[in-house]
Amino acid sequence: MTVPDYQGLMLPVLRSVADGKEHRIADLRNVLAETLGLTEEDLGLKIRSGAPVFNSRVHWAVTYLSQAGVLRRPRRGMVELTDRGRDLLVQAPPSVDNGLLARYPEFREFMVRARLTRQDSSETEVPTEQLAPGKGTPKEQLANAVEEANAAIAADLINRIQEREPAFLEHLVLKLLTAMGYGGKAGAAEHLGQTGDHGLDGVIRQDVLGLDRVYVQAKRYGSGHSIGRPDIQAFVGALHGAQADRGIFITTSRFTTEAKDYAERVPARLVLIDGARLAELMVLHNVEVQEEQTFILKRAADASTCRAPTCSAPGSTKTSSSRRQTTARVRSASGHA
């Protein structure tokens, strides 16, 4: 039997964890391989990076099912069925794929993030047919695949952060802001989060004397908890107490419309970063992620742009070194988040 694609593995994955207990993903792969009757030859197939095809597809099946809320990752390397997943199995669908998972709003939001570079969190409605893979050019398909992969990693990052202690997020956001260039060579980032911090978890000093300061607040909440206007008002009060007029409020959840409107109107310069944007920035700046695989798509250079000595002379068998190329990088979460 050939190895099913990741969507073809979704229903077998759900059935394999139907007992509601926690399962090690490594053990789950063994159970699936036996259930599906995969041979040693099937399990020995490798993708270009050297990873087994079967392992990769199980990973993505689990990732997509988790984004739909039918699976849960209680701990690193573990997975369990949720109440939603149990209800889905009771319905006895003949198969489970992205089209079926699109009934769940969390999955639709995830797919929107995979398709768009940046979108307001309130704009999450897209036609279900747009969730299906398109038939674009190889370059378009590669770009779409990388966007989907990075969106999945971003969602996984937020899940991991929500499982850690609050101080982890406080240190993480300072690391991210430093990676983005805040603080510079002469400045510094300092963690302030502790009892009596008055709502200020960190500060970025943009100059050596500390005259130019940006204060940070980080709140680790689940996706069901929204940051409202009172939270932003309290942050503005904390900035005023620190004689500061610039701040960044970061959360793993989202902000209400009232919170966003208030942040726009106050004299202090505020930047609000929700969970989706936080994860996107972490992937963009390689914070708590690592490059897993790099794809390079090349095309021949135009004759008009080909100049010696980089191009071959007429009749030469040498290949031109001025080929144009597109590089796409797929990332994975590091072992720290």
Protein backbone atom coordinates (compact mmCIF):
# COMPACT_ATOMS: atom_id res chain seq x y z
CA MET A 1 0.00 0.00 0.00
CA THR A 2 1.28 3.46 -0.83
CA VAL A 3 1.58 6.01 1.98
CA PRO A 4 -1.64 8.08 2.15
CA ASP A 5 -1.30 11.86 1.91
CA TYR A 6 -1.72 13.85 5.11
CA GLN A 7 -5.46 14.33 4.57
CA GLY A 8 -5.87 10.61 3.99
CA LEU A 9 -4.24 10.03 7.38
CA MET A 10 -6.59 12.32 9.31
CA LEU A 11 -9.38 9.81 9.97
CA PRO A 12 -6.98 6.96 10.86
CA VAL A 13 -5.24 9.32 13.30
CA LEU A 14 -8.53 10.19 14.99
CA ARG A 15 -9.56 6.55 15.23
CA SER A 16 -6.19 5.62 16.73
CA VAL A 17 -6.69 8.01 19.65
CA ALA A 18 -10.42 7.36 20.09
CA ASP A 19 -9.90 6.07 23.65
CA GLY A 20 -9.43 9.66 24.84
CA LYS A 21 -6.06 8.93 26.46
CA GLU A 22 -2.79 10.73 25.81
CA HIS A 23 -0.72 9.09 23.09
CA ARG A 24 2.92 9.56 22.16
CA ILE A 25 3.13 10.63 18.53
CA ALA A 26 5.98 8.16 18.03
CA ASP A 27 3.73 5.32 19.23
CA LEU A 28 0.87 6.67 17.12
CA ARG A 29 3.01 6.35 13.99
CA ASN A 30 3.70 2.69 14.79
CA VAL A 31 0.00 1.96 15.31
CA LEU A 32 -0.94 3.73 12.08
CA ALA A 33 1.71 1.90 10.08
CA GLU A 34 0.41 -1.45 11.30
CA THR A 35 -3.25 -0.49 10.81
CA LEU A 36 -2.62 0.72 7.26
CA GLY A 37 -0.49 -2.31 6.40
CA LEU A 38 2.52 -0.24 5.35
CA THR A 39 5.61 -2.17 4.32
CA GLU A 40 9.21 -1.51 5.24
CA GLU A 41 9.65 -0.12 1.74
CA ASP A 42 6.76 2.32 2.32
CA LEU A 43 8.22 3.45 5.64
CA GLY A 44 11.65 3.83 4.08
CA LEU A 45 10.53 6.47 1.59
CA LYS A 46 12.27 9.80 2.21
CA ILE A 47 11.49 13.37 1.28
CA ARG A 48 14.33 15.46 -0.08
CA SER A 49 15.39 16.69 3.38
CA GLY A 50 15.95 13.05 4.41
CA ALA A 51 12.94 12.76 6.73
CA PRO A 52 10.61 9.78 6.25
CA VAL A 53 7.58 10.60 4.09
CA PHE A 54 5.25 8.78 6.47
CA ASN A 55 6.49 10.64 9.57
CA SER A 56 6.13 13.97 7.79
CA ARG A 57 2.57 13.25 6.71
CA VAL A 58 1.53 12.08 10.16
CA HIS A 59 3.01 15.29 11.58
CA TRP A 60 0.97 17.47 9.22
CA ALA A 61 -2.20 15.45 9.77
CA VAL A 62 -1.85 15.98 13.53
CA THR A 63 -1.07 19.67 13.00
CA TYR A 64 -4.17 20.30 10.90
CA LEU A 65 -6.41 18.29 13.20
CA SER A 66 -5.08 20.28 16.16
CA GLN A 67 -5.85 23.55 14.37
CA ALA A 68 -9.44 22.36 13.96
CA GLY A 69 -9.69 21.60 17.67
CA VAL A 70 -10.42 17.90 17.21
CA LEU A 71 -7.03 16.98 18.65
CA ARG A 72 -5.11 18.55 21.51
CA ARG A 73 -1.42 18.55 22.31
CA PRO A 74 -1.31 18.43 26.12
CA ARG A 75 2.46 18.10 26.23
CA ARG A 76 5.39 18.04 23.83
CA GLY A 77 5.25 14.92 21.67
CA MET A 78 1.82 13.93 22.99
CA VAL A 79 -1.66 14.11 21.49
CA GLU A 80 -5.19 13.34 22.67
CA LEU A 81 -8.73 13.46 21.30
CA THR A 82 -10.93 16.41 22.33
CA ASP A 83 -14.68 16.43 22.91
CA ARG A 84 -15.06 17.95 19.47
CA GLY A 85 -13.03 15.13 17.97
CA ARG A 86 -15.15 12.58 19.81
CA ASP A 87 -18.31 14.17 18.41
CA LEU A 88 -16.81 14.04 14.93
CA LEU A 89 -16.09 10.31 15.22
CA VAL A 90 -19.64 9.68 16.42
CA GLN A 91 -20.84 11.17 13.12
CA ALA A 92 -18.86 8.41 11.35
CA PRO A 93 -17.67 10.44 8.35
CA PRO A 94 -16.31 8.32 5.47
CA SER A 95 -13.22 10.52 5.44
CA VAL A 96 -11.79 13.63 7.06
CA ASP A 97 -10.06 16.34 5.04
CA ASN A 98 -9.54 20.09 4.98
CA GLY A 99 -12.96 20.64 3.46
CA LEU A 100 -14.66 18.91 6.39
CA LEU A 101 -12.44 20.66 8.96
CA ALA A 102 -13.46 24.00 7.46
CA ARG A 103 -16.72 23.73 9.40
CA TYR A 104 -14.76 24.78 12.50
CA PRO A 105 -14.03 28.52 12.82
CA GLU A 106 -10.56 27.96 14.32
CA PHE A 107 -9.52 25.98 11.27
CA ARG A 108 -10.89 28.61 8.90
CA GLU A 109 -8.91 31.28 10.74
CA PHE A 110 -5.80 29.14 10.47
CA MET A 111 -6.28 28.72 6.72
CA VAL A 112 -6.83 32.46 6.29
CA ARG A 113 -3.51 33.11 8.04
CA ALA A 114 -1.91 30.60 5.71
CA ARG A 115 -3.19 32.44 2.65
CA LEU A 116 -2.61 36.04 3.66
CA THR A 117 0.52 37.80 4.82
CA ARG A 118 -1.41 39.96 7.23
CA GLN A 119 -5.14 40.21 7.84
CA ASP A 120 -7.19 41.84 10.56
CA SER A 121 -8.35 39.20 13.04
CA SER A 122 -11.99 40.19 12.44
CA GLU A 123 -11.78 39.36 8.73
CA THR A 124 -11.76 35.59 8.84
CA GLU A 125 -14.61 34.64 6.52
CA VAL A 126 -13.51 33.10 3.26
CA PRO A 127 -15.41 30.80 0.89
CA THR A 128 -14.84 27.16 1.72
CA GLU A 129 -13.80 26.42 -1.85
CA GLN A 130 -10.86 28.82 -1.43
CA LEU A 131 -9.45 26.53 1.23
CA ALA A 132 -8.72 23.82 -1.32
CA PRO A 133 -5.28 23.74 -2.93
CA GLY A 134 -5.15 25.66 -6.20
CA LYS A 135 -3.64 24.75 -9.53
CA GLY A 136 -1.24 27.63 -9.94
CA THR A 137 2.21 27.78 -11.43
CA PRO A 138 5.03 25.87 -9.68
CA LYS A 139 6.17 29.17 -8.15
CA GLU A 140 2.65 29.91 -6.85
CA GLN A 141 2.27 26.38 -5.49
CA LEU A 142 5.65 26.63 -3.74
CA ALA A 143 4.72 30.00 -2.21
CA ASN A 144 1.35 28.66 -1.03
CA ALA A 145 2.97 25.56 0.47
CA VAL A 146 5.53 27.63 2.39
CA GLU A 147 2.83 30.01 3.64
CA GLU A 148 0.75 27.05 4.88
CA ALA A 149 3.75 25.44 6.54
CA ASN A 150 4.78 28.66 8.27
CA ALA A 151 1.20 29.35 9.38
CA ALA A 152 1.06 25.90 10.94
CA ILE A 153 4.35 26.53 12.73
CA ALA A 154 3.07 29.92 13.92
CA ALA A 155 -0.06 28.32 15.38
CA ASP A 156 2.05 25.63 17.05
CA LEU A 157 4.26 28.33 18.58
CA ILE A 158 1.29 30.04 20.22
CA ASN A 159 0.04 26.72 21.60
CA ARG A 160 3.46 26.03 23.11
CA ILE A 161 3.73 29.52 24.62
CA GLN A 162 0.29 29.17 26.22
CA GLU A 163 1.49 26.00 27.94
CA ARG A 164 4.49 27.77 29.51
CA GLU A 165 4.68 30.00 32.59
CA PRO A 166 3.90 33.74 32.14
CA ALA A 167 7.57 34.71 32.67
CA PHE A 168 8.52 32.71 29.57
CA LEU A 169 6.43 35.00 27.37
CA GLU A 170 7.84 38.10 29.08
CA HIS A 171 11.40 37.06 28.25
CA LEU A 172 10.37 35.85 24.80
CA VAL A 173 8.92 39.17 23.65
CA LEU A 174 12.08 41.00 24.70
CA LYS A 175 14.12 38.50 22.70
CA LEU A 176 11.83 39.07 19.71
CA LEU A 177 11.99 42.86 19.89
CA THR A 178 15.78 42.69 20.11
CA ALA A 179 15.85 40.42 17.05
CA MET A 180 13.71 43.02 15.26
CA GLY A 181 16.37 45.65 15.91
CA TYR A 182 14.98 47.44 18.94
CA GLY A 183 17.62 48.42 21.45
CA GLY A 184 20.36 48.52 18.85
CA LYS A 185 24.02 48.10 19.68
CA ALA A 186 24.03 50.86 22.30
CA GLY A 187 20.70 50.03 23.93
CA ALA A 188 19.49 47.16 26.05
CA ALA A 189 16.44 45.08 26.91
CA GLU A 190 15.59 44.53 30.56
CA HIS A 191 13.00 42.20 32.08
CA LEU A 192 10.89 43.90 34.75
CA GLY A 193 8.11 41.37 35.28
CA GLN A 194 7.76 40.57 38.96
CA THR A 195 5.55 41.41 41.93
CA GLY A 196 4.96 45.16 41.98
CA ASP A 197 5.97 45.72 38.36
CA HIS A 198 2.83 47.85 37.90
CA GLY A 199 1.98 46.10 34.66
CA LEU A 200 5.31 46.75 32.94
CA ASP A 201 7.03 43.48 32.05
CA GLY A 202 10.04 44.86 30.22
CA VAL A 203 11.75 47.93 28.84
CA ILE A 204 13.82 48.50 25.71
CA ARG A 205 16.39 51.28 26.07
CA GLN A 206 17.11 52.64 22.63
CA ASP A 207 20.22 54.59 23.64
CA VAL A 208 23.05 54.11 26.08
CA LEU A 209 21.71 56.74 28.50
CA GLY A 210 18.21 55.29 28.55
CA LEU A 211 16.56 58.54 27.46
CA ASP A 212 14.64 56.77 24.67
CA ARG A 213 12.59 53.99 26.27
CA VAL A 214 9.86 51.63 25.06
CA TYR A 215 7.96 49.68 27.71
CA VAL A 216 6.43 46.26 27.11
CA GLN A 217 3.54 44.35 28.62
CA ALA A 218 2.98 40.68 27.78
CA LYS A 219 -0.18 38.72 28.60
CA ARG A 220 -0.43 34.97 28.11
CA TYR A 221 -4.08 34.06 27.57
CA GLY A 222 -5.96 31.33 25.76
CA SER A 223 -7.63 32.02 22.42
CA GLY A 224 -11.01 32.41 24.14
CA HIS A 225 -9.86 35.38 26.25
CA SER A 226 -9.77 38.82 24.62
CA ILE A 227 -7.87 41.86 25.86
CA GLY A 228 -10.37 44.68 26.45
CA ARG A 229 -10.22 48.42 26.89
CA PRO A 230 -9.68 48.27 30.70
CA ASP A 231 -6.43 46.33 30.16
CA ILE A 232 -5.15 48.99 27.75
CA GLN A 233 -6.21 51.78 30.10
CA ALA A 234 -4.24 50.14 32.91
CA PHE A 235 -1.19 49.87 30.64
CA VAL A 236 -1.45 53.55 29.71
CA GLY A 237 -1.61 54.38 33.43
CA ALA A 238 1.52 52.32 34.03
CA LEU A 239 3.31 54.16 31.22
CA HIS A 240 2.29 57.48 32.75
CA GLY A 241 3.66 56.35 36.12
CA ALA A 242 6.98 55.51 34.44
CA GLN A 243 7.02 58.91 32.70
CA ALA A 244 6.96 57.12 29.35
CA ASP A 245 4.90 57.75 26.24
CA ARG A 246 5.61 54.64 24.16
CA GLY A 247 4.56 51.07 24.79
CA ILE A 248 4.00 47.69 23.17
CA PHE A 249 1.21 45.42 24.46
CA ILE A 250 1.62 41.81 23.36
CA THR A 251 -0.79 38.95 23.96
CA THR A 252 -1.16 35.36 22.83
CA SER A 253 -4.90 35.94 22.35
CA ARG A 254 -6.54 38.96 20.67
CA PHE A 255 -7.79 42.49 21.32
CA THR A 256 -11.37 43.67 21.29
CA THR A 257 -12.45 46.41 18.90
CA GLU A 258 -12.90 48.76 21.88
CA ALA A 259 -9.31 48.11 22.97
CA LYS A 260 -7.98 48.87 19.50
CA ASP A 261 -10.02 52.06 19.20
CA TYR A 262 -8.85 53.29 22.60
CA ALA A 263 -5.19 52.59 21.73
CA GLU A 264 -5.60 54.74 18.60
CA ARG A 265 -6.96 57.73 20.53
CA VAL A 266 -4.66 58.02 23.56
CA PRO A 267 -1.74 60.49 23.44
CA ALA A 268 0.77 57.72 24.18
CA ARG A 269 2.10 55.83 21.16
CA LEU A 270 0.87 52.27 21.56
CA VAL A 271 1.40 49.18 19.43
CA LEU A 272 -0.88 46.19 20.00
CA ILE A 273 0.38 42.78 18.90
CA ASP A 274 -2.06 39.86 19.06
CA GLY A 275 -1.24 36.17 19.03
CA ALA A 276 -1.39 35.79 15.25
CA ARG A 277 0.93 38.74 14.68
CA LEU A 278 3.27 37.61 17.48
CA ALA A 279 3.73 34.19 15.90
CA GLU A 280 4.13 35.73 12.44
CA LEU A 281 6.93 37.98 13.72
CA MET A 282 8.62 35.07 15.47
CA VAL A 283 8.70 33.09 12.23
CA LEU A 284 9.85 36.11 10.22
CA HIS A 285 12.72 36.91 12.59
CA ASN A 286 13.67 33.28 13.39
CA VAL A 287 12.84 33.48 17.10
CA GLU A 288 12.22 30.01 18.61
CA VAL A 289 12.14 28.53 15.10
CA GLN A 290 14.76 27.02 12.85
CA GLU A 291 15.03 26.62 9.11
CA GLU A 292 14.10 23.06 8.24
CA GLN A 293 14.44 23.06 4.48
CA THR A 294 15.29 25.53 1.72
CA PHE A 295 13.90 25.31 -1.82
CA ILE A 296 15.44 27.25 -4.69
CA LEU A 297 13.39 27.74 -7.86
CA LYS A 298 15.55 28.90 -10.75
CA ARG A 299 14.95 30.25 -14.23
CA ALA A 300 17.27 31.15 -17.08
CA ALA A 301 18.52 34.75 -17.18
CA ASP A 302 17.25 37.07 -19.91
CA ALA A 303 19.71 37.41 -22.78
CA SER A 304 19.59 41.20 -22.46
CA THR A 305 20.87 41.04 -18.89
CA CYS A 306 23.58 38.47 -19.56
CA ARG A 307 27.00 40.15 -19.56
CA ALA A 308 30.55 38.77 -19.59
CA PRO A 309 32.23 37.36 -17.66
CA THR A 310 29.18 35.94 -15.86
CA CYS A 311 27.59 34.59 -19.04
CA SER A 312 28.81 32.02 -21.46
CA ALA A 313 30.19 33.01 -24.83
CA PRO A 314 28.24 31.93 -27.92
CA GLY A 315 28.84 28.25 -28.53
CA SER A 316 30.30 27.70 -25.07
CA THR A 317 29.19 24.71 -23.02
CA LYS A 318 29.48 26.65 -19.78
CA THR A 319 26.26 27.47 -17.98
CA SER A 320 25.45 31.03 -17.04
CA SER A 321 25.95 32.05 -13.43
CA SER A 322 23.38 34.84 -13.77
CA ARG A 323 20.31 32.62 -13.51
CA ARG A 324 17.55 34.23 -11.50
CA GLN A 325 16.15 32.31 -8.58
CA THR A 326 13.44 32.36 -5.93
CA THR A 327 14.28 31.01 -2.49
CA ALA A 328 11.60 29.62 -0.18
CA ARG A 329 12.36 28.58 3.37
CA VAL A 330 10.27 26.24 5.50
CA ARG A 331 10.74 26.60 9.25
CA SER A 332 10.00 24.44 12.26
CA ALA A 333 9.63 25.24 15.95
CA SER A 334 12.84 24.94 17.95
CA GLY A 335 13.06 22.88 21.09
CA HIS A 336 12.77 25.85 23.46
CA ALA A 337 9.23 27.16 22.93
